[in-house]
Amino acid sequence: MIERSELFRERTLPEMLQYVETIRDNIISDGSELKRLRLKKGTYKKYLEEFLPLVEFSKIRYAINADLTFKLVEGNQSFDAQVMKNDEIIRKIEFTYPRDGNQENSEALKLNSAGFANISIDENIVTEYLEQIFLAASKKSKKDYGNAIVVIHIVPHWIMDLGNPRDRRKIQDLVYRLGTIAYNAAEVVLQISSAKYNDGSFSTEIHSVFQRQE
């Protein structure tokens, strides 16, 4: 189990990456923890939906800034994480992680019991998934996030192949649609992570959706 105090600790980017490696090693060595991770039990939910997205975003956006630290924020704030320099907050980040919670839980239960999950994929499912992302972004647009960055984080490798030109065009169309929404934030990005099953890490790309003109 992930200790809550450790999850909310302030870290540099290298320290965050080391923490992810430690969690990954613990999960690999303990099958019961892997099952808890799949079901997002306890602190694993925040780890998967906020901490890992923060790590992936920071690797791309802040990799060259060695003097920055990062931290998840507890409580009902209007943001999920903060970026700091010399103990001063320089950026706030809000994450949204659109997905079908019921389907996700059902697949996790199948994986835990049988070791595999039969996922039926067709065009309707892909269309519904992309619409779900758009609706989640529309919901976020109703809130005022001030100078925060809103990161729409998705992990679509189970349903889309981003190496396939057809699926890549669908992502491009989604980015365009997301850009038609009026947001109350400093910036909005679509962050796409795809699992690398050989080492458990992610390949991540970021697409700009919206940027406030000062």
N, C-alpha and C. Protein backbone atom coordinates (compact mmCIF):
# COMPACT_ATOMS: atom_id res chain seq x y z
N MET A 1 0.85 -1.20 0.00
CA MET A 1 0.00 0.00 0.00
C MET A 1 0.88 1.25 0.00
N ILE A 2 0.45 2.25 -0.72
CA ILE A 2 1.17 3.51 -0.76
C ILE A 2 0.82 4.33 0.47
N GLU A 3 1.84 4.77 1.19
CA GLU A 3 1.60 5.63 2.35
C GLU A 3 1.14 7.01 1.87
N ARG A 4 0.04 7.48 2.45
CA ARG A 4 -0.52 8.77 2.03
C ARG A 4 0.48 9.91 2.20
N SER A 5 1.21 9.90 3.29
CA SER A 5 2.19 10.96 3.55
C SER A 5 3.27 10.98 2.48
N GLU A 6 3.65 9.79 1.98
CA GLU A 6 4.66 9.72 0.93
C GLU A 6 4.12 10.21 -0.41
N LEU A 7 2.87 9.93 -0.67
CA LEU A 7 2.24 10.33 -1.93
C LEU A 7 2.19 11.85 -2.05
N PHE A 8 2.01 12.54 -0.92
CA PHE A 8 1.86 14.00 -0.95
C PHE A 8 3.16 14.73 -0.61
N ARG A 9 4.26 14.03 -0.62
CA ARG A 9 5.54 14.65 -0.32
C ARG A 9 6.02 15.52 -1.47
N GLU A 10 6.69 16.61 -1.14
CA GLU A 10 7.29 17.48 -2.15
C GLU A 10 8.57 16.83 -2.67
N ARG A 11 8.71 16.77 -4.00
CA ARG A 11 9.86 16.10 -4.61
C ARG A 11 10.36 16.85 -5.84
N THR A 12 11.62 16.64 -6.15
CA THR A 12 12.16 17.06 -7.44
C THR A 12 11.71 16.04 -8.48
N LEU A 13 11.92 16.34 -9.75
CA LEU A 13 11.55 15.38 -10.80
C LEU A 13 12.33 14.06 -10.67
N PRO A 14 13.65 14.09 -10.47
CA PRO A 14 14.35 12.81 -10.27
C PRO A 14 13.82 12.02 -9.08
N GLU A 15 13.44 12.71 -8.02
CA GLU A 15 12.90 12.03 -6.84
C GLU A 15 11.53 11.42 -7.14
N MET A 16 10.73 12.10 -7.94
CA MET A 16 9.44 11.52 -8.34
C MET A 16 9.64 10.26 -9.17
N LEU A 17 10.59 10.32 -10.10
CA LEU A 17 10.86 9.16 -10.94
C LEU A 17 11.35 7.97 -10.11
N GLN A 18 12.18 8.25 -9.11
CA GLN A 18 12.67 7.19 -8.24
C GLN A 18 11.54 6.60 -7.42
N TYR A 19 10.63 7.46 -6.98
CA TYR A 19 9.48 6.99 -6.20
C TYR A 19 8.60 6.06 -7.04
N VAL A 20 8.39 6.41 -8.30
CA VAL A 20 7.61 5.56 -9.21
C VAL A 20 8.28 4.20 -9.36
N GLU A 21 9.60 4.19 -9.49
CA GLU A 21 10.33 2.93 -9.61
C GLU A 21 10.15 2.08 -8.35
N THR A 22 10.19 2.72 -7.20
CA THR A 22 10.02 2.00 -5.93
C THR A 22 8.63 1.37 -5.85
N ILE A 23 7.60 2.14 -6.23
CA ILE A 23 6.24 1.62 -6.22
C ILE A 23 6.11 0.46 -7.21
N ARG A 24 6.70 0.62 -8.39
CA ARG A 24 6.63 -0.42 -9.41
C ARG A 24 7.29 -1.71 -8.93
N ASP A 25 8.44 -1.59 -8.28
CA ASP A 25 9.14 -2.77 -7.76
C ASP A 25 8.31 -3.47 -6.69
N ASN A 26 7.66 -2.69 -5.84
CA ASN A 26 6.82 -3.26 -4.78
C ASN A 26 5.63 -4.03 -5.36
N ILE A 27 5.04 -3.46 -6.42
CA ILE A 27 3.88 -4.09 -7.05
C ILE A 27 4.28 -5.39 -7.75
N ILE A 28 5.43 -5.36 -8.43
CA ILE A 28 5.91 -6.54 -9.14
C ILE A 28 6.18 -7.68 -8.16
N SER A 29 6.67 -7.34 -6.99
CA SER A 29 7.05 -8.37 -6.01
C SER A 29 5.89 -8.85 -5.16
N ASP A 30 4.73 -8.18 -5.25
CA ASP A 30 3.59 -8.53 -4.40
C ASP A 30 2.32 -8.56 -5.24
N GLY A 31 1.84 -9.75 -5.57
CA GLY A 31 0.66 -9.89 -6.42
C GLY A 31 -0.58 -9.26 -5.84
N SER A 32 -0.71 -9.24 -4.52
CA SER A 32 -1.89 -8.64 -3.90
C SER A 32 -1.91 -7.13 -4.11
N GLU A 33 -0.72 -6.52 -4.14
CA GLU A 33 -0.66 -5.07 -4.39
C GLU A 33 -1.00 -4.75 -5.83
N LEU A 34 -0.61 -5.64 -6.76
CA LEU A 34 -0.97 -5.45 -8.16
C LEU A 34 -2.49 -5.45 -8.33
N LYS A 35 -3.16 -6.35 -7.63
CA LYS A 35 -4.62 -6.42 -7.69
C LYS A 35 -5.24 -5.16 -7.11
N ARG A 36 -4.68 -4.64 -6.04
CA ARG A 36 -5.19 -3.39 -5.45
C ARG A 36 -4.99 -2.22 -6.40
N LEU A 37 -3.85 -2.22 -7.09
CA LEU A 37 -3.57 -1.17 -8.07
C LEU A 37 -4.60 -1.18 -9.18
N ARG A 38 -4.88 -2.37 -9.73
CA ARG A 38 -5.85 -2.47 -10.82
C ARG A 38 -7.21 -1.95 -10.42
N LEU A 39 -7.61 -2.22 -9.18
CA LEU A 39 -8.92 -1.80 -8.69
C LEU A 39 -8.91 -0.39 -8.12
N LYS A 40 -7.72 0.24 -8.13
CA LYS A 40 -7.56 1.60 -7.60
C LYS A 40 -8.01 1.70 -6.15
N LYS A 41 -7.61 0.71 -5.36
CA LYS A 41 -7.96 0.70 -3.96
C LYS A 41 -7.13 1.72 -3.18
N GLY A 42 -7.77 2.38 -2.22
CA GLY A 42 -7.06 3.31 -1.35
C GLY A 42 -6.33 4.40 -2.10
N THR A 43 -5.07 4.60 -1.75
CA THR A 43 -4.27 5.68 -2.34
C THR A 43 -3.84 5.38 -3.78
N TYR A 44 -4.06 4.16 -4.25
CA TYR A 44 -3.71 3.84 -5.64
C TYR A 44 -4.52 4.68 -6.63
N LYS A 45 -5.73 5.04 -6.27
CA LYS A 45 -6.56 5.86 -7.16
C LYS A 45 -5.89 7.21 -7.43
N LYS A 46 -5.47 7.88 -6.37
CA LYS A 46 -4.82 9.18 -6.54
C LYS A 46 -3.46 9.01 -7.22
N TYR A 47 -2.78 7.91 -6.92
CA TYR A 47 -1.49 7.65 -7.54
C TYR A 47 -1.65 7.52 -9.06
N LEU A 48 -2.65 6.78 -9.51
CA LEU A 48 -2.86 6.55 -10.94
C LEU A 48 -3.45 7.75 -11.65
N GLU A 49 -4.35 8.47 -10.99
CA GLU A 49 -5.10 9.53 -11.67
C GLU A 49 -4.49 10.92 -11.50
N GLU A 50 -3.56 11.08 -10.56
CA GLU A 50 -2.96 12.40 -10.36
C GLU A 50 -1.43 12.35 -10.30
N PHE A 51 -0.88 11.42 -9.50
CA PHE A 51 0.57 11.42 -9.34
C PHE A 51 1.28 11.02 -10.64
N LEU A 52 0.89 9.90 -11.24
CA LEU A 52 1.53 9.49 -12.49
C LEU A 52 1.33 10.52 -13.61
N PRO A 53 0.11 11.08 -13.78
CA PRO A 53 -0.04 12.14 -14.78
C PRO A 53 0.87 13.34 -14.49
N LEU A 54 1.05 13.68 -13.20
CA LEU A 54 1.95 14.78 -12.84
C LEU A 54 3.39 14.45 -13.25
N VAL A 55 3.81 13.22 -13.00
CA VAL A 55 5.16 12.81 -13.38
C VAL A 55 5.35 12.90 -14.89
N GLU A 56 4.39 12.38 -15.65
CA GLU A 56 4.50 12.39 -17.11
C GLU A 56 4.50 13.82 -17.66
N PHE A 57 3.63 14.66 -17.11
CA PHE A 57 3.58 16.06 -17.55
C PHE A 57 4.89 16.77 -17.24
N SER A 58 5.41 16.55 -16.04
CA SER A 58 6.63 17.23 -15.60
C SER A 58 7.84 16.79 -16.41
N LYS A 59 7.87 15.52 -16.82
CA LYS A 59 8.98 15.01 -17.64
C LYS A 59 9.09 15.77 -18.96
N ILE A 60 7.94 16.16 -19.50
CA ILE A 60 7.93 16.86 -20.79
C ILE A 60 8.08 18.37 -20.61
N ARG A 61 7.32 18.92 -19.69
CA ARG A 61 7.26 20.38 -19.55
C ARG A 61 8.42 20.97 -18.74
N TYR A 62 8.91 20.23 -17.75
CA TYR A 62 9.87 20.83 -16.82
C TYR A 62 11.18 20.05 -16.71
N ALA A 63 11.50 19.21 -17.65
CA ALA A 63 12.68 18.34 -17.56
C ALA A 63 13.98 19.12 -17.40
N ILE A 64 14.07 20.30 -17.99
CA ILE A 64 15.34 21.05 -17.95
C ILE A 64 15.42 21.97 -16.74
N ASN A 65 14.36 22.02 -15.93
CA ASN A 65 14.34 22.91 -14.76
C ASN A 65 14.68 22.13 -13.50
N ALA A 66 15.96 22.01 -13.21
CA ALA A 66 16.41 21.19 -12.09
C ALA A 66 16.10 21.81 -10.73
N ASP A 67 15.75 23.09 -10.71
CA ASP A 67 15.52 23.77 -9.44
C ASP A 67 14.05 23.76 -9.02
N LEU A 68 13.21 23.01 -9.71
CA LEU A 68 11.78 22.97 -9.39
C LEU A 68 11.44 21.76 -8.53
N THR A 69 10.40 21.91 -7.73
CA THR A 69 9.85 20.77 -6.99
C THR A 69 8.36 20.67 -7.28
N PHE A 70 7.80 19.48 -7.01
CA PHE A 70 6.41 19.18 -7.38
C PHE A 70 5.71 18.51 -6.21
N LYS A 71 4.41 18.74 -6.12
CA LYS A 71 3.68 18.21 -4.97
C LYS A 71 2.20 18.10 -5.28
N LEU A 72 1.58 16.96 -4.93
CA LEU A 72 0.14 16.85 -4.97
C LEU A 72 -0.44 17.66 -3.81
N VAL A 73 -1.65 18.15 -4.00
CA VAL A 73 -2.29 18.99 -2.99
C VAL A 73 -3.46 18.24 -2.36
N GLU A 74 -3.52 18.25 -1.06
CA GLU A 74 -4.63 17.60 -0.35
C GLU A 74 -5.81 18.55 -0.22
N GLY A 75 -7.00 17.98 -0.01
CA GLY A 75 -8.19 18.78 0.24
C GLY A 75 -8.93 19.16 -1.01
N ASN A 76 -10.00 19.89 -0.83
CA ASN A 76 -10.88 20.29 -1.94
C ASN A 76 -10.44 21.63 -2.53
N GLN A 77 -9.29 21.62 -3.15
CA GLN A 77 -8.78 22.81 -3.82
C GLN A 77 -9.29 22.83 -5.26
N SER A 78 -9.05 23.93 -5.95
CA SER A 78 -9.43 24.03 -7.36
C SER A 78 -8.31 23.52 -8.26
N PHE A 79 -7.35 22.82 -7.68
CA PHE A 79 -6.25 22.25 -8.45
C PHE A 79 -5.72 21.03 -7.70
N ASP A 80 -5.00 20.17 -8.41
CA ASP A 80 -4.53 18.91 -7.84
C ASP A 80 -3.06 18.88 -7.47
N ALA A 81 -2.27 19.74 -8.13
CA ALA A 81 -0.82 19.71 -7.90
C ALA A 81 -0.25 21.11 -8.05
N GLN A 82 0.94 21.28 -7.51
CA GLN A 82 1.60 22.57 -7.64
C GLN A 82 3.08 22.39 -7.98
N VAL A 83 3.59 23.35 -8.72
CA VAL A 83 4.99 23.39 -9.09
C VAL A 83 5.62 24.55 -8.33
N MET A 84 6.78 24.29 -7.69
CA MET A 84 7.38 25.31 -6.83
C MET A 84 8.84 25.57 -7.18
N LYS A 85 9.25 26.79 -6.91
CA LYS A 85 10.64 27.20 -7.05
C LYS A 85 11.01 28.02 -5.85
N ASN A 86 11.99 27.57 -5.11
CA ASN A 86 12.41 28.24 -3.88
C ASN A 86 11.22 28.46 -2.93
N ASP A 87 10.42 27.41 -2.77
CA ASP A 87 9.27 27.39 -1.87
C ASP A 87 8.12 28.31 -2.30
N GLU A 88 8.20 28.83 -3.51
CA GLU A 88 7.12 29.68 -4.04
C GLU A 88 6.38 28.92 -5.14
N ILE A 89 5.04 28.93 -5.07
CA ILE A 89 4.24 28.26 -6.10
C ILE A 89 4.29 29.07 -7.39
N ILE A 90 4.78 28.44 -8.45
CA ILE A 90 4.85 29.14 -9.73
C ILE A 90 3.81 28.64 -10.73
N ARG A 91 3.20 27.48 -10.43
CA ARG A 91 2.16 26.95 -11.31
C ARG A 91 1.28 25.96 -10.58
N LYS A 92 -0.01 26.05 -10.83
CA LYS A 92 -0.97 25.08 -10.30
C LYS A 92 -1.48 24.24 -11.46
N ILE A 93 -1.75 22.96 -11.18
CA ILE A 93 -2.18 22.04 -12.23
C ILE A 93 -3.41 21.27 -11.77
N GLU A 94 -4.40 21.21 -12.64
CA GLU A 94 -5.61 20.43 -12.40
C GLU A 94 -5.64 19.28 -13.41
N PHE A 95 -5.91 18.06 -12.93
CA PHE A 95 -5.98 16.90 -13.81
C PHE A 95 -7.41 16.40 -13.94
N THR A 96 -7.76 15.97 -15.14
CA THR A 96 -9.00 15.24 -15.33
C THR A 96 -8.66 13.97 -16.11
N TYR A 97 -9.29 12.87 -15.72
CA TYR A 97 -8.93 11.56 -16.26
C TYR A 97 -10.20 10.88 -16.76
N PRO A 98 -10.69 11.26 -17.95
CA PRO A 98 -11.95 10.71 -18.47
C PRO A 98 -11.85 9.21 -18.73
N ARG A 99 -12.80 8.45 -18.24
CA ARG A 99 -12.86 7.02 -18.51
C ARG A 99 -14.20 6.49 -18.04
N ASP A 100 -14.54 5.28 -18.45
CA ASP A 100 -15.75 4.60 -18.01
C ASP A 100 -15.40 3.82 -16.75
N GLY A 101 -15.75 4.37 -15.60
CA GLY A 101 -15.38 3.76 -14.33
C GLY A 101 -15.90 2.36 -14.14
N ASN A 102 -17.15 2.11 -14.55
CA ASN A 102 -17.73 0.78 -14.40
C ASN A 102 -17.01 -0.25 -15.27
N GLN A 103 -16.73 0.12 -16.52
CA GLN A 103 -16.03 -0.79 -17.42
C GLN A 103 -14.61 -1.03 -16.91
N GLU A 104 -13.96 0.02 -16.45
CA GLU A 104 -12.60 -0.10 -15.94
C GLU A 104 -12.54 -1.05 -14.75
N ASN A 105 -13.52 -0.94 -13.85
CA ASN A 105 -13.56 -1.81 -12.67
C ASN A 105 -13.85 -3.26 -13.07
N SER A 106 -14.76 -3.44 -14.03
CA SER A 106 -15.10 -4.78 -14.50
C SER A 106 -13.89 -5.47 -15.10
N GLU A 107 -13.11 -4.75 -15.90
CA GLU A 107 -11.92 -5.32 -16.53
C GLU A 107 -10.87 -5.66 -15.48
N ALA A 108 -10.75 -4.80 -14.45
CA ALA A 108 -9.78 -5.05 -13.39
C ALA A 108 -10.14 -6.31 -12.62
N LEU A 109 -11.43 -6.50 -12.36
CA LEU A 109 -11.87 -7.70 -11.65
C LEU A 109 -11.57 -8.96 -12.46
N LYS A 110 -11.78 -8.89 -13.79
CA LYS A 110 -11.48 -10.03 -14.65
C LYS A 110 -9.99 -10.34 -14.67
N LEU A 111 -9.17 -9.29 -14.73
CA LEU A 111 -7.73 -9.49 -14.72
C LEU A 111 -7.27 -10.13 -13.42
N ASN A 112 -7.87 -9.67 -12.32
CA ASN A 112 -7.47 -10.20 -11.01
C ASN A 112 -7.88 -11.66 -10.82
N SER A 113 -9.02 -12.04 -11.41
CA SER A 113 -9.52 -13.40 -11.20
C SER A 113 -9.01 -14.39 -12.24
N ALA A 114 -8.92 -13.95 -13.50
CA ALA A 114 -8.56 -14.87 -14.58
C ALA A 114 -7.19 -14.62 -15.19
N GLY A 115 -6.63 -13.44 -14.91
CA GLY A 115 -5.33 -13.13 -15.49
C GLY A 115 -5.42 -12.46 -16.84
N PHE A 116 -6.64 -12.32 -17.36
CA PHE A 116 -6.83 -11.63 -18.63
C PHE A 116 -8.25 -11.08 -18.67
N ALA A 117 -8.48 -10.11 -19.58
CA ALA A 117 -9.81 -9.54 -19.75
C ALA A 117 -10.12 -9.48 -21.24
N ASN A 118 -11.28 -9.95 -21.63
CA ASN A 118 -11.70 -9.89 -23.03
C ASN A 118 -12.34 -8.54 -23.30
N ILE A 119 -11.63 -7.70 -24.05
CA ILE A 119 -12.11 -6.36 -24.36
C ILE A 119 -12.62 -6.33 -25.79
N SER A 120 -13.90 -6.09 -25.94
CA SER A 120 -14.51 -6.01 -27.26
C SER A 120 -14.39 -4.58 -27.77
N ILE A 121 -13.71 -4.41 -28.90
CA ILE A 121 -13.47 -3.08 -29.44
C ILE A 121 -14.11 -2.94 -30.81
N ASP A 122 -14.92 -1.91 -30.98
CA ASP A 122 -15.46 -1.58 -32.30
C ASP A 122 -15.52 -0.07 -32.42
N GLU A 123 -15.94 0.41 -33.57
CA GLU A 123 -15.94 1.85 -33.83
C GLU A 123 -16.85 2.60 -32.87
N ASN A 124 -17.97 1.96 -32.48
CA ASN A 124 -18.89 2.62 -31.56
C ASN A 124 -18.25 2.87 -30.20
N ILE A 125 -17.47 1.90 -29.72
CA ILE A 125 -16.81 2.05 -28.43
C ILE A 125 -15.77 3.17 -28.49
N VAL A 126 -15.01 3.22 -29.58
CA VAL A 126 -14.02 4.28 -29.74
C VAL A 126 -14.70 5.65 -29.79
N THR A 127 -15.79 5.74 -30.54
CA THR A 127 -16.54 7.00 -30.65
C THR A 127 -17.08 7.44 -29.30
N GLU A 128 -17.62 6.50 -28.54
CA GLU A 128 -18.14 6.81 -27.21
C GLU A 128 -17.04 7.30 -26.28
N TYR A 129 -15.88 6.67 -26.38
CA TYR A 129 -14.74 7.05 -25.54
C TYR A 129 -14.29 8.48 -25.85
N LEU A 130 -14.16 8.80 -27.14
CA LEU A 130 -13.74 10.14 -27.53
C LEU A 130 -14.78 11.19 -27.13
N GLU A 131 -16.06 10.82 -27.20
CA GLU A 131 -17.12 11.74 -26.78
C GLU A 131 -17.07 11.95 -25.27
N GLN A 132 -16.73 10.91 -24.55
CA GLN A 132 -16.61 11.01 -23.10
C GLN A 132 -15.51 12.01 -22.72
N ILE A 133 -14.41 11.99 -23.45
CA ILE A 133 -13.32 12.94 -23.22
C ILE A 133 -13.79 14.36 -23.49
N PHE A 134 -14.52 14.54 -24.59
CA PHE A 134 -15.02 15.88 -24.94
C PHE A 134 -15.98 16.39 -23.87
N LEU A 135 -16.86 15.53 -23.39
CA LEU A 135 -17.82 15.94 -22.37
C LEU A 135 -17.12 16.28 -21.05
N ALA A 136 -16.08 15.53 -20.72
CA ALA A 136 -15.32 15.82 -19.50
C ALA A 136 -14.65 17.19 -19.60
N ALA A 137 -14.11 17.50 -20.77
CA ALA A 137 -13.49 18.81 -20.98
C ALA A 137 -14.53 19.92 -20.91
N SER A 138 -15.71 19.68 -21.47
CA SER A 138 -16.78 20.68 -21.42
C SER A 138 -17.19 20.96 -19.98
N LYS A 139 -17.22 19.92 -19.17
CA LYS A 139 -17.55 20.08 -17.75
C LYS A 139 -16.49 20.92 -17.04
N LYS A 140 -15.22 20.68 -17.35
CA LYS A 140 -14.14 21.45 -16.75
C LYS A 140 -14.21 22.92 -17.15
N SER A 141 -14.72 23.18 -18.35
CA SER A 141 -14.78 24.56 -18.85
C SER A 141 -15.75 25.42 -18.05
N LYS A 142 -16.64 24.78 -17.30
CA LYS A 142 -17.63 25.53 -16.51
C LYS A 142 -17.03 26.09 -15.22
N LYS A 143 -15.82 25.65 -14.86
CA LYS A 143 -15.18 26.10 -13.63
C LYS A 143 -14.05 27.09 -13.95
N ASP A 144 -13.79 27.96 -12.99
CA ASP A 144 -12.73 28.95 -13.15
C ASP A 144 -11.46 28.43 -12.48
N TYR A 145 -10.45 28.12 -13.28
CA TYR A 145 -9.19 27.61 -12.75
C TYR A 145 -8.10 28.68 -12.71
N GLY A 146 -8.47 29.92 -12.96
CA GLY A 146 -7.52 31.01 -12.83
C GLY A 146 -6.29 30.83 -13.68
N ASN A 147 -5.13 30.82 -13.03
CA ASN A 147 -3.86 30.68 -13.74
C ASN A 147 -3.34 29.24 -13.76
N ALA A 148 -4.22 28.31 -13.49
CA ALA A 148 -3.80 26.90 -13.47
C ALA A 148 -3.80 26.31 -14.89
N ILE A 149 -3.03 25.25 -15.04
CA ILE A 149 -3.04 24.46 -16.27
C ILE A 149 -3.98 23.29 -16.05
N VAL A 150 -4.89 23.07 -16.98
CA VAL A 150 -5.78 21.90 -16.92
C VAL A 150 -5.21 20.84 -17.85
N VAL A 151 -4.92 19.67 -17.29
CA VAL A 151 -4.36 18.56 -18.06
C VAL A 151 -5.43 17.48 -18.21
N ILE A 152 -5.87 17.26 -19.45
CA ILE A 152 -6.82 16.18 -19.74
C ILE A 152 -5.97 14.96 -20.04
N HIS A 153 -5.92 14.04 -19.10
CA HIS A 153 -5.01 12.90 -19.20
C HIS A 153 -5.77 11.66 -19.65
N ILE A 154 -5.33 11.04 -20.73
CA ILE A 154 -5.98 9.81 -21.21
C ILE A 154 -4.93 8.73 -21.46
N VAL A 155 -5.36 7.49 -21.29
CA VAL A 155 -4.49 6.33 -21.54
C VAL A 155 -5.27 5.40 -22.48
N PRO A 156 -5.24 5.67 -23.79
CA PRO A 156 -6.14 4.97 -24.73
C PRO A 156 -5.58 3.73 -25.39
N HIS A 157 -4.41 3.21 -24.92
CA HIS A 157 -3.78 2.11 -25.66
C HIS A 157 -4.63 0.84 -25.69
N TRP A 158 -5.56 0.71 -24.74
CA TRP A 158 -6.42 -0.48 -24.70
C TRP A 158 -7.49 -0.46 -25.78
N ILE A 159 -7.71 0.71 -26.39
CA ILE A 159 -8.79 0.83 -27.36
C ILE A 159 -8.35 1.46 -28.68
N MET A 160 -7.18 2.13 -28.69
CA MET A 160 -6.70 2.80 -29.90
C MET A 160 -5.22 2.49 -30.12
N ASP A 161 -4.83 2.45 -31.37
CA ASP A 161 -3.44 2.27 -31.75
C ASP A 161 -2.95 3.57 -32.38
N LEU A 162 -2.17 4.33 -31.63
CA LEU A 162 -1.76 5.65 -32.12
C LEU A 162 -0.73 5.55 -33.24
N GLY A 163 -0.25 4.35 -33.51
CA GLY A 163 0.60 4.15 -34.68
C GLY A 163 -0.21 3.93 -35.94
N ASN A 164 -1.53 3.78 -35.77
CA ASN A 164 -2.44 3.59 -36.90
C ASN A 164 -2.90 4.96 -37.39
N PRO A 165 -2.71 5.27 -38.69
CA PRO A 165 -3.08 6.59 -39.21
C PRO A 165 -4.55 6.95 -38.94
N ARG A 166 -5.43 5.96 -39.00
CA ARG A 166 -6.85 6.24 -38.76
C ARG A 166 -7.09 6.70 -37.33
N ASP A 167 -6.49 6.01 -36.35
CA ASP A 167 -6.65 6.40 -34.96
C ASP A 167 -5.94 7.72 -34.68
N ARG A 168 -4.81 7.94 -35.34
CA ARG A 168 -4.09 9.21 -35.17
C ARG A 168 -4.94 10.37 -35.65
N ARG A 169 -5.67 10.20 -36.75
CA ARG A 169 -6.55 11.25 -37.24
C ARG A 169 -7.68 11.53 -36.25
N LYS A 170 -8.16 10.48 -35.60
CA LYS A 170 -9.21 10.67 -34.60
C LYS A 170 -8.72 11.51 -33.44
N ILE A 171 -7.47 11.30 -33.05
CA ILE A 171 -6.89 12.12 -31.98
C ILE A 171 -6.75 13.57 -32.45
N GLN A 172 -6.33 13.77 -33.66
CA GLN A 172 -6.21 15.12 -34.20
C GLN A 172 -7.56 15.81 -34.24
N ASP A 173 -8.60 15.07 -34.63
CA ASP A 173 -9.95 15.63 -34.64
C ASP A 173 -10.41 15.97 -33.22
N LEU A 174 -10.05 15.11 -32.27
CA LEU A 174 -10.42 15.38 -30.87
C LEU A 174 -9.74 16.64 -30.37
N VAL A 175 -8.46 16.82 -30.67
CA VAL A 175 -7.73 18.02 -30.25
C VAL A 175 -8.41 19.26 -30.81
N TYR A 176 -8.81 19.19 -32.09
CA TYR A 176 -9.52 20.32 -32.71
C TYR A 176 -10.82 20.61 -31.98
N ARG A 177 -11.61 19.56 -31.69
CA ARG A 177 -12.89 19.76 -31.00
C ARG A 177 -12.70 20.33 -29.60
N LEU A 178 -11.69 19.84 -28.90
CA LEU A 178 -11.42 20.36 -27.57
C LEU A 178 -11.05 21.84 -27.62
N GLY A 179 -10.41 22.24 -28.71
CA GLY A 179 -10.01 23.63 -28.87
C GLY A 179 -11.17 24.57 -29.16
N THR A 180 -12.34 24.04 -29.45
CA THR A 180 -13.52 24.89 -29.70
C THR A 180 -14.23 25.28 -28.40
N ILE A 181 -13.81 24.71 -27.28
CA ILE A 181 -14.43 24.99 -25.99
C ILE A 181 -13.78 26.23 -25.37
N ALA A 182 -14.58 27.06 -24.73
CA ALA A 182 -14.07 28.25 -24.03
C ALA A 182 -13.74 27.87 -22.59
N TYR A 183 -12.46 27.93 -22.23
CA TYR A 183 -12.01 27.51 -20.91
C TYR A 183 -11.68 28.72 -20.03
N ASN A 184 -11.76 28.50 -18.72
CA ASN A 184 -11.34 29.50 -17.75
C ASN A 184 -10.08 28.97 -17.05
N ALA A 185 -8.98 29.01 -17.78
CA ALA A 185 -7.71 28.50 -17.28
C ALA A 185 -6.59 29.17 -18.06
N ALA A 186 -5.37 29.08 -17.52
CA ALA A 186 -4.23 29.66 -18.24
C ALA A 186 -3.90 28.85 -19.48
N GLU A 187 -4.10 27.54 -19.35
CA GLU A 187 -3.75 26.64 -20.46
C GLU A 187 -4.49 25.32 -20.28
N VAL A 188 -4.81 24.68 -21.39
CA VAL A 188 -5.42 23.35 -21.38
C VAL A 188 -4.64 22.49 -22.36
N VAL A 189 -4.27 21.28 -21.93
CA VAL A 189 -3.56 20.36 -22.81
C VAL A 189 -4.21 18.99 -22.75
N LEU A 190 -4.07 18.25 -23.84
CA LEU A 190 -4.46 16.84 -23.87
C LEU A 190 -3.18 16.02 -23.73
N GLN A 191 -3.10 15.24 -22.67
CA GLN A 191 -1.92 14.42 -22.41
C GLN A 191 -2.28 12.96 -22.66
N ILE A 192 -1.56 12.34 -23.58
CA ILE A 192 -1.85 10.95 -23.97
C ILE A 192 -0.68 10.07 -23.56
N SER A 193 -0.95 9.10 -22.70
CA SER A 193 0.08 8.15 -22.28
C SER A 193 -0.27 6.76 -22.80
N SER A 194 0.72 6.09 -23.35
CA SER A 194 0.56 4.72 -23.81
C SER A 194 1.55 3.84 -23.07
N ALA A 195 1.06 2.72 -22.55
CA ALA A 195 1.91 1.84 -21.75
C ALA A 195 2.94 1.14 -22.62
N LYS A 196 4.14 0.99 -22.06
CA LYS A 196 5.17 0.15 -22.66
C LYS A 196 5.23 -1.11 -21.80
N TYR A 197 4.65 -2.16 -22.29
CA TYR A 197 4.46 -3.34 -21.46
C TYR A 197 5.77 -4.05 -21.08
N ASN A 198 6.85 -3.79 -21.82
CA ASN A 198 8.10 -4.48 -21.50
C ASN A 198 8.73 -3.98 -20.21
N ASP A 199 8.50 -2.74 -19.84
CA ASP A 199 9.11 -2.25 -18.61
C ASP A 199 8.12 -1.53 -17.70
N GLY A 200 6.85 -1.47 -18.10
CA GLY A 200 5.84 -0.86 -17.24
C GLY A 200 5.82 0.65 -17.26
N SER A 201 6.64 1.28 -18.10
CA SER A 201 6.67 2.73 -18.17
C SER A 201 5.69 3.23 -19.23
N PHE A 202 5.71 4.54 -19.46
CA PHE A 202 4.77 5.13 -20.40
C PHE A 202 5.48 5.94 -21.47
N SER A 203 4.89 5.98 -22.64
CA SER A 203 5.28 6.91 -23.68
C SER A 203 4.20 7.98 -23.71
N THR A 204 4.59 9.22 -23.52
CA THR A 204 3.60 10.29 -23.35
C THR A 204 3.82 11.42 -24.35
N GLU A 205 2.72 11.95 -24.85
CA GLU A 205 2.76 13.12 -25.72
C GLU A 205 1.73 14.13 -25.23
N ILE A 206 2.01 15.40 -25.47
CA ILE A 206 1.13 16.48 -25.03
C ILE A 206 0.71 17.32 -26.23
N HIS A 207 -0.60 17.58 -26.33
CA HIS A 207 -1.15 18.42 -27.39
C HIS A 207 -1.77 19.67 -26.79
N SER A 208 -1.39 20.81 -27.29
CA SER A 208 -1.96 22.07 -26.81
C SER A 208 -3.40 22.20 -27.30
N VAL A 209 -4.31 22.49 -26.38
CA VAL A 209 -5.72 22.66 -26.70
C VAL A 209 -6.13 24.12 -26.62
N PHE A 210 -5.62 24.79 -25.59
CA PHE A 210 -6.01 26.17 -25.33
C PHE A 210 -4.91 26.88 -24.56
N GLN A 211 -4.68 28.16 -24.90
CA GLN A 211 -3.74 28.98 -24.14
C GLN A 211 -4.28 30.39 -24.07
N ARG A 212 -4.42 30.88 -22.84
CA ARG A 212 -4.98 32.23 -22.67
C ARG A 212 -4.02 33.27 -23.22
N GLN A 213 -4.58 34.22 -23.96
CA GLN A 213 -3.80 35.33 -24.49
C GLN A 213 -3.75 36.44 -23.46
N GLU A 214 -2.55 36.74 -23.00
CA GLU A 214 -2.39 37.79 -21.96
C GLU A 214 -2.48 39.17 -22.59
